[in-house]
């Protein structure tokens, strides 16, 4: 996950990224969020957490808008997503302490 966050922050500063590169990266982000949703799901319930699924739906619905945004807007969106991913990763690590293996 930290690689994805690093890539996100690098992409947010990359003023030369075109819409195609941005779309590919957003697709990668969606796959990572799906994996995170699976990890965050309770062991006895195989459904993903609803808030993460809603976020994925919003991002999927806005892929074109996000990818075509001006550099400043795209950078702000990407930085917020990086913050969210860090928070989800900390939550996952915290919950892992309480998981019985």
PDB file of N, CA and C in Angstrom:
ATOM      1  N   UNK A   1       0.822  -1.188   0.000  1.00  0.00           N
ATOM      2  CA  UNK A   1       0.000   0.000   0.000  1.00  0.00           C
ATOM      3  C   UNK A   1       0.868   1.255   0.000  1.00  0.00           C
ATOM      4  N   UNK A   2       1.995   1.192   0.696  1.00  0.00           N
ATOM      5  CA  UNK A   2       2.862   2.372   0.744  1.00  0.00           C
ATOM      6  C   UNK A   2       3.411   2.717  -0.640  1.00  0.00           C
ATOM      7  N   UNK A   3       3.611   1.696  -1.491  1.00  0.00           N
ATOM      8  CA  UNK A   3       4.052   1.968  -2.863  1.00  0.00           C
ATOM      9  C   UNK A   3       2.988   2.761  -3.615  1.00  0.00           C
ATOM     10  N   UNK A   4       1.747   2.404  -3.406  1.00  0.00           N
ATOM     11  CA  UNK A   4       0.655   3.097  -4.076  1.00  0.00           C
ATOM     12  C   UNK A   4       0.580   4.546  -3.604  1.00  0.00           C
ATOM     13  N   UNK A   5       0.731   4.764  -2.309  1.00  0.00           N
ATOM     14  CA  UNK A   5       0.694   6.122  -1.778  1.00  0.00           C
ATOM     15  C   UNK A   5       1.861   6.934  -2.332  1.00  0.00           C
ATOM     16  N   UNK A   6       3.043   6.328  -2.391  1.00  0.00           N
ATOM     17  CA  UNK A   6       4.200   7.024  -2.971  1.00  0.00           C
ATOM     18  C   UNK A   6       3.948   7.381  -4.428  1.00  0.00           C
ATOM     19  N   UNK A   7       3.399   6.438  -5.174  1.00  0.00           N
ATOM     20  CA  UNK A   7       3.080   6.696  -6.577  1.00  0.00           C
ATOM     21  C   UNK A   7       2.034   7.790  -6.712  1.00  0.00           C
ATOM     22  N   UNK A   8       1.047   7.787  -5.814  1.00  0.00           N
ATOM     23  CA  UNK A   8       0.015   8.818  -5.829  1.00  0.00           C
ATOM     24  C   UNK A   8       0.631  10.196  -5.633  1.00  0.00           C
ATOM     25  N   UNK A   9       1.492  10.295  -4.637  1.00  0.00           N
ATOM     26  CA  UNK A   9       2.097  11.589  -4.354  1.00  0.00           C
ATOM     27  C   UNK A   9       3.014  12.028  -5.486  1.00  0.00           C
ATOM     28  N   UNK A  10       3.709  11.081  -6.099  1.00  0.00           N
ATOM     29  CA  UNK A  10       4.550  11.413  -7.253  1.00  0.00           C
ATOM     30  C   UNK A  10       3.678  11.904  -8.414  1.00  0.00           C
ATOM     31  N   UNK A  11       2.580  11.211  -8.655  1.00  0.00           N
ATOM     32  CA  UNK A  11       1.687  11.589  -9.744  1.00  0.00           C
ATOM     33  C   UNK A  11       1.049  12.946  -9.488  1.00  0.00           C
ATOM     34  N   UNK A  12       0.775  13.257  -8.227  1.00  0.00           N
ATOM     35  CA  UNK A  12       0.155  14.551  -7.925  1.00  0.00           C
ATOM     36  C   UNK A  12       1.087  15.705  -8.272  1.00  0.00           C
ATOM     37  N   UNK A  13       2.391  15.448  -8.257  1.00  0.00           N
ATOM     38  CA  UNK A  13       3.368  16.486  -8.582  1.00  0.00           C
ATOM     39  C   UNK A  13       3.804  16.448 -10.037  1.00  0.00           C
ATOM     40  N   UNK A  14       3.375  15.434 -10.772  1.00  0.00           N
ATOM     41  CA  UNK A  14       3.777  15.265 -12.166  1.00  0.00           C
ATOM     42  C   UNK A  14       2.851  16.070 -13.069  1.00  0.00           C
ATOM     43  N   UNK A  15       3.327  17.206 -13.492  1.00  0.00           N
ATOM     44  CA  UNK A  15       2.515  18.089 -14.333  1.00  0.00           C
ATOM     45  C   UNK A  15       2.464  17.600 -15.778  1.00  0.00           C
ATOM     46  N   UNK A  16       3.270  16.582 -16.117  1.00  0.00           N
ATOM     47  CA  UNK A  16       3.306  16.101 -17.490  1.00  0.00           C
ATOM     48  C   UNK A  16       2.451  14.870 -17.740  1.00  0.00           C
ATOM     49  N   UNK A  17       1.770  14.382 -16.708  1.00  0.00           N
ATOM     50  CA  UNK A  17       0.948  13.179 -16.867  1.00  0.00           C
ATOM     51  C   UNK A  17      -0.264  13.501 -17.736  1.00  0.00           C
ATOM     52  N   UNK A  18      -0.500  12.620 -18.705  1.00  0.00           N
ATOM     53  CA  UNK A  18      -1.667  12.844 -19.560  1.00  0.00           C
ATOM     54  C   UNK A  18      -2.870  12.086 -18.999  1.00  0.00           C
ATOM     55  N   UNK A  19      -4.020  12.311 -19.611  1.00  0.00           N
ATOM     56  CA  UNK A  19      -5.267  11.718 -19.124  1.00  0.00           C
ATOM     57  C   UNK A  19      -5.211  10.194 -19.146  1.00  0.00           C
ATOM     58  N   UNK A  20      -4.550   9.614 -20.142  1.00  0.00           N
ATOM     59  CA  UNK A  20      -4.461   8.152 -20.223  1.00  0.00           C
ATOM     60  C   UNK A  20      -3.675   7.602 -19.036  1.00  0.00           C
ATOM     61  N   UNK A  21      -2.545   8.221 -18.717  1.00  0.00           N
ATOM     62  CA  UNK A  21      -1.749   7.785 -17.567  1.00  0.00           C
ATOM     63  C   UNK A  21      -2.551   7.937 -16.277  1.00  0.00           C
ATOM     64  N   UNK A  22      -3.259   9.034 -16.173  1.00  0.00           N
ATOM     65  CA  UNK A  22      -4.075   9.267 -14.981  1.00  0.00           C
ATOM     66  C   UNK A  22      -5.163   8.204 -14.861  1.00  0.00           C
ATOM     67  N   UNK A  23      -5.835   7.878 -15.968  1.00  0.00           N
ATOM     68  CA  UNK A  23      -6.890   6.851 -15.935  1.00  0.00           C
ATOM     69  C   UNK A  23      -6.321   5.496 -15.508  1.00  0.00           C
ATOM     70  N   UNK A  24      -5.163   5.137 -16.053  1.00  0.00           N
ATOM     71  CA  UNK A  24      -4.532   3.868 -15.689  1.00  0.00           C
ATOM     72  C   UNK A  24      -4.214   3.834 -14.201  1.00  0.00           C
ATOM     73  N   UNK A  25      -3.748   4.943 -13.694  1.00  0.00           N
ATOM     74  CA  UNK A  25      -3.425   4.988 -12.277  1.00  0.00           C
ATOM     75  C   UNK A  25      -4.680   4.923 -11.420  1.00  0.00           C
ATOM     76  N   UNK A  26      -5.739   5.578 -11.848  1.00  0.00           N
ATOM     77  CA  UNK A  26      -6.999   5.531 -11.104  1.00  0.00           C
ATOM     78  C   UNK A  26      -7.553   4.112 -11.113  1.00  0.00           C
ATOM     79  N   UNK A  27      -7.411   3.397 -12.219  1.00  0.00           N
ATOM     80  CA  UNK A  27      -7.816   1.981 -12.257  1.00  0.00           C
ATOM     81  C   UNK A  27      -7.029   1.178 -11.229  1.00  0.00           C
ATOM     82  N   UNK A  28      -5.741   1.435 -11.148  1.00  0.00           N
ATOM     83  CA  UNK A  28      -4.891   0.760 -10.148  1.00  0.00           C
ATOM     84  C   UNK A  28      -5.352   1.102  -8.740  1.00  0.00           C
ATOM     85  N   UNK A  29      -5.700   2.356  -8.530  1.00  0.00           N
ATOM     86  CA  UNK A  29      -6.201   2.796  -7.238  1.00  0.00           C
ATOM     87  C   UNK A  29      -7.485   2.059  -6.872  1.00  0.00           C
ATOM     88  N   UNK A  30      -8.391   1.920  -7.822  1.00  0.00           N
ATOM     89  CA  UNK A  30      -9.656   1.225  -7.562  1.00  0.00           C
ATOM     90  C   UNK A  30      -9.397  -0.229  -7.176  1.00  0.00           C
ATOM     91  N   UNK A  31      -8.482  -0.884  -7.881  1.00  0.00           N
ATOM     92  CA  UNK A  31      -8.138  -2.277  -7.520  1.00  0.00           C
ATOM     93  C   UNK A  31      -7.578  -2.351  -6.102  1.00  0.00           C
ATOM     94  N   UNK A  32      -6.741  -1.391  -5.732  1.00  0.00           N
ATOM     95  CA  UNK A  32      -6.177  -1.367  -4.377  1.00  0.00           C
ATOM     96  C   UNK A  32      -7.266  -1.144  -3.336  1.00  0.00           C
ATOM     97  N   UNK A  33      -8.213  -0.268  -3.642  1.00  0.00           N
ATOM     98  CA  UNK A  33      -9.324  -0.037  -2.713  1.00  0.00           C
ATOM     99  C   UNK A  33     -10.187  -1.277  -2.564  1.00  0.00           C
ATOM    100  N   UNK A  34     -10.392  -2.003  -3.652  1.00  0.00           N
ATOM    101  CA  UNK A  34     -11.161  -3.254  -3.571  1.00  0.00           C
ATOM    102  C   UNK A  34     -10.440  -4.259  -2.675  1.00  0.00           C
ATOM    103  N   UNK A  35      -9.128  -4.352  -2.818  1.00  0.00           N
ATOM    104  CA  UNK A  35      -8.360  -5.255  -1.952  1.00  0.00           C
ATOM    105  C   UNK A  35      -8.462  -4.806  -0.498  1.00  0.00           C
ATOM    106  N   UNK A  36      -8.367  -3.499  -0.278  1.00  0.00           N
ATOM    107  CA  UNK A  36      -8.460  -2.966   1.081  1.00  0.00           C
ATOM    108  C   UNK A  36      -9.837  -3.244   1.663  1.00  0.00           C
ATOM    109  N   UNK A  37     -10.875  -3.104   0.861  1.00  0.00           N
ATOM    110  CA  UNK A  37     -12.228  -3.381   1.343  1.00  0.00           C
ATOM    111  C   UNK A  37     -12.361  -4.836   1.758  1.00  0.00           C
ATOM    112  N   UNK A  38     -11.721  -5.725   1.018  1.00  0.00           N
ATOM    113  CA  UNK A  38     -11.755  -7.148   1.356  1.00  0.00           C
ATOM    114  C   UNK A  38     -11.030  -7.403   2.671  1.00  0.00           C
ATOM    115  N   UNK A  39      -9.902  -6.737   2.858  1.00  0.00           N
ATOM    116  CA  UNK A  39      -9.119  -6.906   4.087  1.00  0.00           C
ATOM    117  C   UNK A  39      -9.878  -6.355   5.289  1.00  0.00           C
ATOM    118  N   UNK A  40     -10.593  -5.251   5.087  1.00  0.00           N
ATOM    119  CA  UNK A  40     -11.308  -4.619   6.195  1.00  0.00           C
ATOM    120  C   UNK A  40     -12.604  -5.330   6.560  1.00  0.00           C
ATOM    121  N   UNK A  41     -13.083  -6.220   5.691  1.00  0.00           N
ATOM    122  CA  UNK A  41     -14.331  -6.934   5.962  1.00  0.00           C
ATOM    123  C   UNK A  41     -14.141  -7.862   7.156  1.00  0.00           C
ATOM    124  N   UNK A  42     -15.133  -7.941   8.010  1.00  0.00           N
ATOM    125  CA  UNK A  42     -15.046  -8.870   9.143  1.00  0.00           C
ATOM    126  C   UNK A  42     -14.864 -10.303   8.654  1.00  0.00           C
ATOM    127  N   UNK A  43     -14.158 -11.098   9.426  1.00  0.00           N
ATOM    128  CA  UNK A  43     -13.863 -12.479   9.041  1.00  0.00           C
ATOM    129  C   UNK A  43     -15.112 -13.322   8.841  1.00  0.00           C
ATOM    130  N   UNK A  44     -16.149 -13.055   9.607  1.00  0.00           N
ATOM    131  CA  UNK A  44     -17.354 -13.874   9.509  1.00  0.00           C
ATOM    132  C   UNK A  44     -18.340 -13.315   8.478  1.00  0.00           C
ATOM    133  N   UNK A  45     -18.020 -12.201   7.878  1.00  0.00           N
ATOM    134  CA  UNK A  45     -18.902 -11.571   6.895  1.00  0.00           C
ATOM    135  C   UNK A  45     -18.056 -11.194   5.691  1.00  0.00           C
ATOM    136  N   UNK A  46     -18.309 -11.813   4.566  1.00  0.00           N
ATOM    137  CA  UNK A  46     -17.471 -11.602   3.392  1.00  0.00           C
ATOM    138  C   UNK A  46     -17.886 -10.387   2.564  1.00  0.00           C
ATOM    139  N   UNK A  47     -18.769  -9.555   3.102  1.00  0.00           N
ATOM    140  CA  UNK A  47     -19.139  -8.337   2.398  1.00  0.00           C
ATOM    141  C   UNK A  47     -18.133  -7.240   2.733  1.00  0.00           C
ATOM    142  N   UNK A  48     -17.811  -6.442   1.741  1.00  0.00           N
ATOM    143  CA  UNK A  48     -16.885  -5.336   1.941  1.00  0.00           C
ATOM    144  C   UNK A  48     -17.576  -4.215   2.695  1.00  0.00           C
ATOM    145  N   UNK A  49     -16.798  -3.417   3.410  1.00  0.00           N
ATOM    146  CA  UNK A  49     -17.392  -2.283   4.126  1.00  0.00           C
ATOM    147  C   UNK A  49     -18.088  -1.330   3.151  1.00  0.00           C
ATOM    148  N   UNK A  50     -19.289  -0.942   3.488  1.00  0.00           N
ATOM    149  CA  UNK A  50     -20.118  -0.108   2.618  1.00  0.00           C
ATOM    150  C   UNK A  50     -19.465   1.237   2.292  1.00  0.00           C
ATOM    151  N   UNK A  51     -18.874   1.964   3.241  1.00  0.00           N
ATOM    152  CA  UNK A  51     -18.275   3.256   2.884  1.00  0.00           C
ATOM    153  C   UNK A  51     -17.169   3.144   1.831  1.00  0.00           C
ATOM    154  N   UNK A  52     -16.364   2.118   1.904  1.00  0.00           N
ATOM    155  CA  UNK A  52     -15.295   1.942   0.922  1.00  0.00           C
ATOM    156  C   UNK A  52     -15.897   1.615  -0.441  1.00  0.00           C
ATOM    157  N   UNK A  53     -16.941   0.803  -0.464  1.00  0.00           N
ATOM    158  CA  UNK A  53     -17.604   0.500  -1.737  1.00  0.00           C
ATOM    159  C   UNK A  53     -18.237   1.746  -2.350  1.00  0.00           C
ATOM    160  N   UNK A  54     -18.813   2.590  -1.519  1.00  0.00           N
ATOM    161  CA  UNK A  54     -19.385   3.837  -2.037  1.00  0.00           C
ATOM    162  C   UNK A  54     -18.289   4.720  -2.628  1.00  0.00           C
ATOM    163  N   UNK A  55     -17.159   4.784  -1.947  1.00  0.00           N
ATOM    164  CA  UNK A  55     -16.032   5.564  -2.456  1.00  0.00           C
ATOM    165  C   UNK A  55     -15.571   5.015  -3.801  1.00  0.00           C
ATOM    166  N   UNK A  56     -15.474   3.712  -3.913  1.00  0.00           N
ATOM    167  CA  UNK A  56     -15.065   3.086  -5.169  1.00  0.00           C
ATOM    168  C   UNK A  56     -16.056   3.448  -6.276  1.00  0.00           C
ATOM    169  N   UNK A  57     -17.356   3.389  -5.972  1.00  0.00           N
ATOM    170  CA  UNK A  57     -18.378   3.758  -6.962  1.00  0.00           C
ATOM    171  C   UNK A  57     -18.221   5.209  -7.411  1.00  0.00           C
ATOM    172  N   UNK A  58     -17.974   6.094  -6.459  1.00  0.00           N
ATOM    173  CA  UNK A  58     -17.806   7.507  -6.799  1.00  0.00           C
ATOM    174  C   UNK A  58     -16.587   7.694  -7.697  1.00  0.00           C
ATOM    175  N   UNK A  59     -15.473   7.071  -7.323  1.00  0.00           N
ATOM    176  CA  UNK A  59     -14.255   7.211  -8.121  1.00  0.00           C
ATOM    177  C   UNK A  59     -14.454   6.623  -9.514  1.00  0.00           C
ATOM    178  N   UNK A  60     -15.073   5.443  -9.597  1.00  0.00           N
ATOM    179  CA  UNK A  60     -15.321   4.842 -10.904  1.00  0.00           C
ATOM    180  C   UNK A  60     -16.203   5.744 -11.763  1.00  0.00           C
ATOM    181  N   UNK A  61     -17.202   6.347 -11.159  1.00  0.00           N
ATOM    182  CA  UNK A  61     -18.100   7.220 -11.893  1.00  0.00           C
ATOM    183  C   UNK A  61     -17.457   8.521 -12.332  1.00  0.00           C
ATOM    184  N   UNK A  62     -16.360   8.874 -11.686  1.00  0.00           N
ATOM    185  CA  UNK A  62     -15.711  10.147 -11.982  1.00  0.00           C
ATOM    186  C   UNK A  62     -14.344   9.993 -12.631  1.00  0.00           C
ATOM    187  N   UNK A  63     -14.013   8.792 -13.106  1.00  0.00           N
ATOM    188  CA  UNK A  63     -12.683   8.558 -13.668  1.00  0.00           C
ATOM    189  C   UNK A  63     -12.346   9.599 -14.738  1.00  0.00           C
ATOM    190  N   UNK A  64     -13.230   9.807 -15.672  1.00  0.00           N
ATOM    191  CA  UNK A  64     -12.949  10.760 -16.748  1.00  0.00           C
ATOM    192  C   UNK A  64     -12.784  12.173 -16.209  1.00  0.00           C
ATOM    193  N   UNK A  65     -13.662  12.570 -15.311  1.00  0.00           N
ATOM    194  CA  UNK A  65     -13.574  13.917 -14.746  1.00  0.00           C
ATOM    195  C   UNK A  65     -12.279  14.115 -13.971  1.00  0.00           C
ATOM    196  N   UNK A  66     -11.894  13.118 -13.209  1.00  0.00           N
ATOM    197  CA  UNK A  66     -10.657  13.210 -12.430  1.00  0.00           C
ATOM    198  C   UNK A  66      -9.456  13.230 -13.366  1.00  0.00           C
ATOM    199  N   UNK A  67      -9.430  12.332 -14.316  1.00  0.00           N
ATOM    200  CA  UNK A  67      -8.282  12.228 -15.225  1.00  0.00           C
ATOM    201  C   UNK A  67      -8.131  13.472 -16.092  1.00  0.00           C
ATOM    202  N   UNK A  68      -9.238  14.116 -16.443  1.00  0.00           N
ATOM    203  CA  UNK A  68      -9.194  15.291 -17.309  1.00  0.00           C
ATOM    204  C   UNK A  68      -9.118  16.609 -16.541  1.00  0.00           C
ATOM    205  N   UNK A  69      -9.082  16.537 -15.225  1.00  0.00           N
ATOM    206  CA  UNK A  69      -9.045  17.763 -14.417  1.00  0.00           C
ATOM    207  C   UNK A  69      -7.743  18.518 -14.650  1.00  0.00           C
ATOM    208  N   UNK A  70      -7.790  19.818 -14.360  1.00  0.00           N
ATOM    209  CA  UNK A  70      -6.557  20.593 -14.479  1.00  0.00           C
ATOM    210  C   UNK A  70      -5.560  20.091 -13.429  1.00  0.00           C
ATOM    211  N   UNK A  71      -4.305  20.425 -13.600  1.00  0.00           N
ATOM    212  CA  UNK A  71      -3.244  19.889 -12.746  1.00  0.00           C
ATOM    213  C   UNK A  71      -3.471  20.166 -11.264  1.00  0.00           C
ATOM    214  N   UNK A  72      -3.882  21.383 -10.921  1.00  0.00           N
ATOM    215  CA  UNK A  72      -4.080  21.731  -9.514  1.00  0.00           C
ATOM    216  C   UNK A  72      -5.211  20.906  -8.891  1.00  0.00           C
ATOM    217  N   UNK A  73      -6.316  20.762  -9.614  1.00  0.00           N
ATOM    218  CA  UNK A  73      -7.453  19.982  -9.109  1.00  0.00           C
ATOM    219  C   UNK A  73      -7.080  18.516  -8.991  1.00  0.00           C
ATOM    220  N   UNK A  74      -6.438  17.980 -10.017  1.00  0.00           N
ATOM    221  CA  UNK A  74      -6.014  16.583  -9.979  1.00  0.00           C
ATOM    222  C   UNK A  74      -5.072  16.345  -8.813  1.00  0.00           C
ATOM    223  N   UNK A  75      -4.126  17.243  -8.616  1.00  0.00           N
ATOM    224  CA  UNK A  75      -3.169  17.119  -7.521  1.00  0.00           C
ATOM    225  C   UNK A  75      -3.876  17.100  -6.172  1.00  0.00           C
ATOM    226  N   UNK A  76      -4.857  17.981  -5.988  1.00  0.00           N
ATOM    227  CA  UNK A  76      -5.603  18.025  -4.723  1.00  0.00           C
ATOM    228  C   UNK A  76      -6.381  16.736  -4.494  1.00  0.00           C
ATOM    229  N   UNK A  77      -7.014  16.228  -5.533  1.00  0.00           N
ATOM    230  CA  UNK A  77      -7.778  14.980  -5.420  1.00  0.00           C
ATOM    231  C   UNK A  77      -6.847  13.831  -5.042  1.00  0.00           C
ATOM    232  N   UNK A  78      -5.722  13.750  -5.725  1.00  0.00           N
ATOM    233  CA  UNK A  78      -4.772  12.656  -5.485  1.00  0.00           C
ATOM    234  C   UNK A  78      -4.201  12.729  -4.067  1.00  0.00           C
ATOM    235  N   UNK A  79      -3.898  13.919  -3.589  1.00  0.00           N
ATOM    236  CA  UNK A  79      -3.372  14.057  -2.227  1.00  0.00           C
ATOM    237  C   UNK A  79      -4.408  13.633  -1.194  1.00  0.00           C
ATOM    238  N   UNK A  80      -5.676  13.934  -1.434  1.00  0.00           N
ATOM    239  CA  UNK A  80      -6.734  13.494  -0.523  1.00  0.00           C
ATOM    240  C   UNK A  80      -6.875  11.971  -0.538  1.00  0.00           C
ATOM    241  N   UNK A  81      -6.763  11.387  -1.711  1.00  0.00           N
ATOM    242  CA  UNK A  81      -6.850   9.929  -1.820  1.00  0.00           C
ATOM    243  C   UNK A  81      -5.671   9.288  -1.093  1.00  0.00           C
ATOM    244  N   UNK A  82      -4.483   9.869  -1.206  1.00  0.00           N
ATOM    245  CA  UNK A  82      -3.307   9.340  -0.505  1.00  0.00           C
ATOM    246  C   UNK A  82      -3.526   9.388   1.005  1.00  0.00           C
ATOM    247  N   UNK A  83      -4.091  10.484   1.492  1.00  0.00           N
ATOM    248  CA  UNK A  83      -4.398  10.604   2.917  1.00  0.00           C
ATOM    249  C   UNK A  83      -5.395   9.535   3.346  1.00  0.00           C
ATOM    250  N   UNK A  84      -6.418   9.319   2.540  1.00  0.00           N
ATOM    251  CA  UNK A  84      -7.409   8.288   2.831  1.00  0.00           C
ATOM    252  C   UNK A  84      -6.761   6.904   2.888  1.00  0.00           C
ATOM    253  N   UNK A  85      -5.896   6.596   1.915  1.00  0.00           N
ATOM    254  CA  UNK A  85      -5.247   5.287   1.893  1.00  0.00           C
ATOM    255  C   UNK A  85      -4.360   5.080   3.123  1.00  0.00           C
ATOM    256  N   UNK A  86      -3.662   6.104   3.530  1.00  0.00           N
ATOM    257  CA  UNK A  86      -2.843   5.995   4.747  1.00  0.00           C
ATOM    258  C   UNK A  86      -3.726   5.704   5.958  1.00  0.00           C
ATOM    259  N   UNK A  87      -4.856   6.394   6.032  1.00  0.00           N
ATOM    260  CA  UNK A  87      -5.778   6.185   7.150  1.00  0.00           C
ATOM    261  C   UNK A  87      -6.334   4.768   7.132  1.00  0.00           C
ATOM    262  N   UNK A  88      -6.736   4.279   5.964  1.00  0.00           N
ATOM    263  CA  UNK A  88      -7.239   2.910   5.859  1.00  0.00           C
ATOM    264  C   UNK A  88      -6.163   1.892   6.232  1.00  0.00           C
ATOM    265  N   UNK A  89      -4.937   2.146   5.817  1.00  0.00           N
ATOM    266  CA  UNK A  89      -3.841   1.225   6.150  1.00  0.00           C
ATOM    267  C   UNK A  89      -3.583   1.208   7.651  1.00  0.00           C
ATOM    268  N   UNK A  90      -3.612   2.367   8.293  1.00  0.00           N
ATOM    269  CA  UNK A  90      -3.433   2.404   9.755  1.00  0.00           C
ATOM    270  C   UNK A  90      -4.564   1.647  10.449  1.00  0.00           C
ATOM    271  N   UNK A  91      -5.784   1.839   9.937  1.00  0.00           N
ATOM    272  CA  UNK A  91      -6.936   1.133  10.511  1.00  0.00           C
ATOM    273  C   UNK A  91      -6.764  -0.378  10.348  1.00  0.00           C
ATOM    274  N   UNK A  92      -6.325  -0.798   9.169  1.00  0.00           N
ATOM    275  CA  UNK A  92      -6.106  -2.224   8.924  1.00  0.00           C
ATOM    276  C   UNK A  92      -5.052  -2.779   9.881  1.00  0.00           C
ATOM    277  N   UNK A  93      -3.976  -2.045  10.072  1.00  0.00           N
ATOM    278  CA  UNK A  93      -2.919  -2.490  10.981  1.00  0.00           C
ATOM    279  C   UNK A  93      -3.423  -2.558  12.420  1.00  0.00           C
ATOM    280  N   UNK A  94      -4.217  -1.585  12.803  1.00  0.00           N
ATOM    281  CA  UNK A  94      -4.787  -1.571  14.147  1.00  0.00           C
ATOM    282  C   UNK A  94      -5.716  -2.770  14.351  1.00  0.00           C
ATOM    283  N   UNK A  95      -6.548  -3.051  13.354  1.00  0.00           N
ATOM    284  CA  UNK A  95      -7.471  -4.175  13.469  1.00  0.00           C
ATOM    285  C   UNK A  95      -6.728  -5.512  13.459  1.00  0.00           C
ATOM    286  N   UNK A  96      -5.600  -5.572  12.769  1.00  0.00           N
ATOM    287  CA  UNK A  96      -4.822  -6.810  12.702  1.00  0.00           C
ATOM    288  C   UNK A  96      -4.309  -7.209  14.079  1.00  0.00           C
ATOM    289  N   UNK A  97      -4.122  -6.248  14.951  1.00  0.00           N
ATOM    290  CA  UNK A  97      -3.669  -6.565  16.318  1.00  0.00           C
ATOM    291  C   UNK A  97      -4.690  -7.404  17.051  1.00  0.00           C
ATOM    292  N   UNK A  98      -5.954  -7.260  16.690  1.00  0.00           N
ATOM    293  CA  UNK A  98      -7.024  -7.943  17.396  1.00  0.00           C
ATOM    294  C   UNK A  98      -7.517  -9.203  16.678  1.00  0.00           C
ATOM    295  N   UNK A  99      -6.887  -9.523  15.570  1.00  0.00           N
ATOM    296  CA  UNK A  99      -7.291 -10.687  14.785  1.00  0.00           C
ATOM    297  C   UNK A  99      -6.652 -11.936  15.375  1.00  0.00           C
ATOM    298  N   UNK A 100      -7.471 -12.938  15.571  1.00  0.00           N
ATOM    299  CA  UNK A 100      -6.978 -14.231  16.076  1.00  0.00           C
ATOM    300  C   UNK A 100      -6.593 -15.067  14.873  1.00  0.00           C
ATOM    301  N   UNK A 101      -5.364 -15.543  14.867  1.00  0.00           N
ATOM    302  CA  UNK A 101      -4.886 -16.364  13.740  1.00  0.00           C
ATOM    303  C   UNK A 101      -4.940 -17.816  14.084  1.00  0.00           C
TER     304      UNK A 101
END
